[in-house]
């Protein structure tokens, strides 16, 4: 094998799998409508259907922030590893 092939880092890493899951989970949660298409339980008078979706807005924001930070870490590691 040449040095180029040996020095390359894999494209799919455990960190990138975690990043993909952070971005994929909100889509699954929102596309699986039958899991939240109900009125009960209500939260301060708001049906489950609405507050569940609003909760996922916050969760999606947090997961996107985590994915972004992990992506930055991955890119720094790849740049550092390539220069050595």
N, C-alpha and C. Protein backbone atom coordinates (compact mmCIF):
# COMPACT_ATOMS: atom_id res chain seq x y z
N UNK A 1 0.83 -1.18 0.00
CA UNK A 1 0.00 0.00 0.00
C UNK A 1 0.87 1.24 0.00
N UNK A 2 0.40 2.27 -0.65
CA UNK A 2 1.14 3.52 -0.66
C UNK A 2 0.90 4.28 0.63
N UNK A 3 1.72 5.30 0.87
CA UNK A 3 1.57 6.09 2.10
C UNK A 3 0.27 6.88 2.07
N UNK A 4 -0.18 7.30 0.90
CA UNK A 4 -1.43 8.04 0.79
C UNK A 4 -2.60 7.21 1.31
N UNK A 5 -2.68 5.98 0.91
CA UNK A 5 -3.77 5.10 1.31
C UNK A 5 -3.71 4.80 2.80
N UNK A 6 -2.51 4.60 3.33
CA UNK A 6 -2.38 4.29 4.76
C UNK A 6 -2.71 5.49 5.63
N UNK A 7 -2.43 6.71 5.18
CA UNK A 7 -2.64 7.91 5.98
C UNK A 7 -4.08 8.41 5.98
N UNK A 8 -4.91 7.93 5.08
CA UNK A 8 -6.29 8.41 5.00
C UNK A 8 -7.10 7.93 6.19
N UNK A 9 -7.95 8.81 6.67
CA UNK A 9 -8.84 8.45 7.76
C UNK A 9 -10.15 7.93 7.17
N UNK A 10 -10.83 7.03 7.89
CA UNK A 10 -12.09 6.50 7.36
C UNK A 10 -13.16 7.59 7.26
N UNK A 11 -14.02 7.45 6.28
CA UNK A 11 -15.09 8.43 6.10
C UNK A 11 -16.17 8.25 7.16
N UNK A 12 -16.52 7.01 7.45
CA UNK A 12 -17.54 6.73 8.46
C UNK A 12 -16.84 6.37 9.76
N UNK A 13 -17.04 7.23 10.75
CA UNK A 13 -16.44 7.01 12.07
C UNK A 13 -17.56 6.97 13.09
N UNK A 14 -17.31 6.46 14.29
CA UNK A 14 -18.35 6.47 15.33
C UNK A 14 -18.86 7.88 15.64
N UNK A 15 -17.97 8.86 15.61
CA UNK A 15 -18.38 10.24 15.86
C UNK A 15 -19.35 10.73 14.79
N UNK A 16 -19.08 10.39 13.56
CA UNK A 16 -19.98 10.80 12.48
C UNK A 16 -21.32 10.07 12.53
N UNK A 17 -21.32 8.87 13.04
CA UNK A 17 -22.58 8.14 13.22
C UNK A 17 -23.42 8.85 14.28
N UNK A 18 -22.79 9.30 15.36
CA UNK A 18 -23.50 10.04 16.42
C UNK A 18 -24.06 11.35 15.84
N UNK A 19 -23.28 12.03 15.03
CA UNK A 19 -23.74 13.27 14.39
C UNK A 19 -24.98 12.99 13.53
N UNK A 20 -24.92 11.94 12.74
CA UNK A 20 -26.05 11.59 11.88
C UNK A 20 -27.29 11.26 12.71
N UNK A 21 -27.11 10.54 13.81
CA UNK A 21 -28.25 10.21 14.67
C UNK A 21 -28.86 11.47 15.29
N UNK A 22 -28.01 12.40 15.71
CA UNK A 22 -28.52 13.66 16.27
C UNK A 22 -29.39 14.41 15.27
N UNK A 23 -29.04 14.32 14.01
CA UNK A 23 -29.82 15.02 12.98
C UNK A 23 -31.01 14.21 12.48
N UNK A 24 -30.95 12.90 12.61
CA UNK A 24 -31.99 12.02 12.08
C UNK A 24 -33.15 11.81 13.05
N UNK A 25 -32.86 11.76 14.34
CA UNK A 25 -33.88 11.45 15.35
C UNK A 25 -35.08 12.41 15.30
N UNK A 26 -34.88 13.74 15.20
CA UNK A 26 -36.05 14.62 15.13
C UNK A 26 -36.95 14.35 13.93
N UNK A 27 -36.36 13.98 12.80
CA UNK A 27 -37.18 13.68 11.62
C UNK A 27 -38.07 12.46 11.88
N UNK A 28 -37.50 11.45 12.46
CA UNK A 28 -38.27 10.24 12.76
C UNK A 28 -39.38 10.56 13.75
N UNK A 29 -39.04 11.32 14.77
CA UNK A 29 -40.03 11.66 15.79
C UNK A 29 -41.22 12.44 15.21
N UNK A 30 -40.94 13.33 14.27
CA UNK A 30 -42.03 14.13 13.69
C UNK A 30 -42.77 13.41 12.57
N UNK A 31 -42.10 12.52 11.89
CA UNK A 31 -42.78 11.79 10.80
C UNK A 31 -43.64 10.64 11.30
N UNK A 32 -43.40 10.18 12.51
CA UNK A 32 -44.18 9.09 13.10
C UNK A 32 -45.39 9.70 13.81
N UNK A 33 -46.33 10.20 13.02
CA UNK A 33 -47.47 10.97 13.52
C UNK A 33 -48.37 10.14 14.43
N UNK A 34 -48.54 8.89 14.15
CA UNK A 34 -49.45 8.08 14.97
C UNK A 34 -48.99 7.98 16.42
N UNK A 35 -47.73 8.26 16.70
CA UNK A 35 -47.25 8.19 18.08
C UNK A 35 -47.71 9.40 18.91
N UNK A 36 -48.05 10.50 18.27
CA UNK A 36 -48.45 11.69 19.03
C UNK A 36 -49.78 12.30 18.57
N UNK A 37 -50.53 11.62 17.73
CA UNK A 37 -51.81 12.13 17.24
C UNK A 37 -52.91 11.81 18.24
N UNK A 38 -52.86 12.49 19.39
CA UNK A 38 -53.87 12.30 20.43
C UNK A 38 -54.00 13.57 21.26
N UNK A 39 -55.06 13.64 22.02
CA UNK A 39 -55.33 14.83 22.82
C UNK A 39 -54.73 14.70 24.22
N UNK A 40 -54.84 13.54 24.82
CA UNK A 40 -54.35 13.33 26.18
C UNK A 40 -52.92 12.83 26.16
N UNK A 41 -52.09 13.16 27.07
CA UNK A 41 -52.30 14.04 28.22
C UNK A 41 -52.15 15.51 27.83
N UNK A 42 -52.93 16.34 28.45
CA UNK A 42 -52.82 17.78 28.20
C UNK A 42 -51.80 18.37 29.16
N UNK A 43 -51.19 19.44 28.76
CA UNK A 43 -50.22 20.16 29.58
C UNK A 43 -50.65 21.61 29.65
N UNK A 44 -51.04 22.06 30.82
CA UNK A 44 -51.63 23.39 31.07
C UNK A 44 -52.71 23.72 30.03
N UNK A 45 -53.54 22.74 29.76
CA UNK A 45 -54.67 22.91 28.85
C UNK A 45 -54.35 22.74 27.37
N UNK A 46 -53.09 22.48 27.03
CA UNK A 46 -52.68 22.32 25.63
C UNK A 46 -52.67 20.83 25.31
N UNK A 47 -53.37 20.41 24.25
CA UNK A 47 -53.38 18.99 23.88
C UNK A 47 -51.98 18.46 23.58
N UNK A 48 -51.81 17.17 23.81
CA UNK A 48 -50.53 16.50 23.60
C UNK A 48 -49.98 16.74 22.21
N UNK A 49 -50.85 16.69 21.20
CA UNK A 49 -50.43 16.87 19.81
C UNK A 49 -49.60 18.12 19.62
N UNK A 50 -49.98 19.22 20.27
CA UNK A 50 -49.29 20.50 20.10
C UNK A 50 -48.05 20.61 20.98
N UNK A 51 -48.18 20.27 22.26
CA UNK A 51 -47.01 20.48 23.12
C UNK A 51 -45.89 19.50 22.81
N UNK A 52 -46.23 18.32 22.31
CA UNK A 52 -45.20 17.35 21.91
C UNK A 52 -44.36 17.92 20.76
N UNK A 53 -45.01 18.52 19.78
CA UNK A 53 -44.29 19.11 18.66
C UNK A 53 -43.44 20.30 19.09
N UNK A 54 -43.97 21.11 19.98
CA UNK A 54 -43.20 22.25 20.47
C UNK A 54 -41.99 21.79 21.29
N UNK A 55 -42.15 20.72 22.03
CA UNK A 55 -41.03 20.15 22.77
C UNK A 55 -39.94 19.68 21.81
N UNK A 56 -40.32 19.11 20.70
CA UNK A 56 -39.34 18.66 19.72
C UNK A 56 -38.62 19.81 19.04
N UNK A 57 -39.21 20.99 19.00
CA UNK A 57 -38.50 22.16 18.49
C UNK A 57 -37.28 22.42 19.37
N UNK A 58 -37.48 22.37 20.69
CA UNK A 58 -36.36 22.58 21.62
C UNK A 58 -35.35 21.44 21.55
N UNK A 59 -35.85 20.21 21.53
CA UNK A 59 -34.96 19.04 21.47
C UNK A 59 -34.15 19.07 20.17
N UNK A 60 -34.80 19.41 19.06
CA UNK A 60 -34.10 19.48 17.78
C UNK A 60 -33.00 20.54 17.79
N UNK A 61 -33.29 21.66 18.44
CA UNK A 61 -32.28 22.72 18.56
C UNK A 61 -31.07 22.21 19.32
N UNK A 62 -31.31 21.55 20.44
CA UNK A 62 -30.20 21.02 21.24
C UNK A 62 -29.42 19.96 20.48
N UNK A 63 -30.11 19.06 19.81
CA UNK A 63 -29.43 18.01 19.05
C UNK A 63 -28.63 18.58 17.87
N UNK A 64 -29.14 19.63 17.25
CA UNK A 64 -28.41 20.26 16.16
C UNK A 64 -27.15 20.95 16.68
N UNK A 65 -27.26 21.59 17.85
CA UNK A 65 -26.08 22.20 18.45
C UNK A 65 -25.02 21.16 18.80
N UNK A 66 -25.45 20.04 19.35
CA UNK A 66 -24.53 18.95 19.68
C UNK A 66 -23.87 18.43 18.41
N UNK A 67 -24.65 18.23 17.36
CA UNK A 67 -24.11 17.73 16.10
C UNK A 67 -23.09 18.71 15.52
N UNK A 68 -23.37 19.99 15.61
CA UNK A 68 -22.45 21.00 15.10
C UNK A 68 -21.13 21.00 15.87
N UNK A 69 -21.21 20.94 17.19
CA UNK A 69 -19.99 20.91 18.01
C UNK A 69 -19.18 19.65 17.73
N UNK A 70 -19.86 18.51 17.59
CA UNK A 70 -19.15 17.27 17.27
C UNK A 70 -18.51 17.35 15.89
N UNK A 71 -19.20 17.98 14.94
CA UNK A 71 -18.65 18.12 13.60
C UNK A 71 -17.39 19.00 13.63
N UNK A 72 -17.43 20.08 14.42
CA UNK A 72 -16.25 20.92 14.56
C UNK A 72 -15.08 20.12 15.14
N UNK A 73 -15.35 19.32 16.16
CA UNK A 73 -14.32 18.50 16.77
C UNK A 73 -13.75 17.51 15.75
N UNK A 74 -14.62 16.91 14.96
CA UNK A 74 -14.18 15.96 13.95
C UNK A 74 -13.29 16.64 12.91
N UNK A 75 -13.67 17.82 12.47
CA UNK A 75 -12.89 18.53 11.48
C UNK A 75 -11.53 18.96 12.02
N UNK A 76 -11.50 19.41 13.28
CA UNK A 76 -10.22 19.76 13.90
C UNK A 76 -9.31 18.54 14.00
N UNK A 77 -9.88 17.39 14.38
CA UNK A 77 -9.09 16.17 14.50
C UNK A 77 -8.54 15.74 13.15
N UNK A 78 -9.34 15.89 12.11
CA UNK A 78 -8.89 15.48 10.77
C UNK A 78 -7.79 16.41 10.26
N UNK A 79 -7.92 17.69 10.51
CA UNK A 79 -6.88 18.63 10.07
C UNK A 79 -5.59 18.40 10.85
N UNK A 80 -5.73 18.14 12.14
CA UNK A 80 -4.55 17.88 12.98
C UNK A 80 -3.88 16.58 12.60
N UNK A 81 -4.67 15.55 12.29
CA UNK A 81 -4.14 14.26 11.92
C UNK A 81 -3.49 14.26 10.55
N UNK A 82 -3.98 15.10 9.64
CA UNK A 82 -3.44 15.14 8.28
C UNK A 82 -2.09 15.84 8.24
N UNK A 83 -1.87 16.79 9.15
CA UNK A 83 -0.61 17.56 9.12
C UNK A 83 0.53 16.84 9.81
N UNK A 84 0.26 15.79 10.54
CA UNK A 84 1.33 15.10 11.28
C UNK A 84 2.02 14.07 10.45
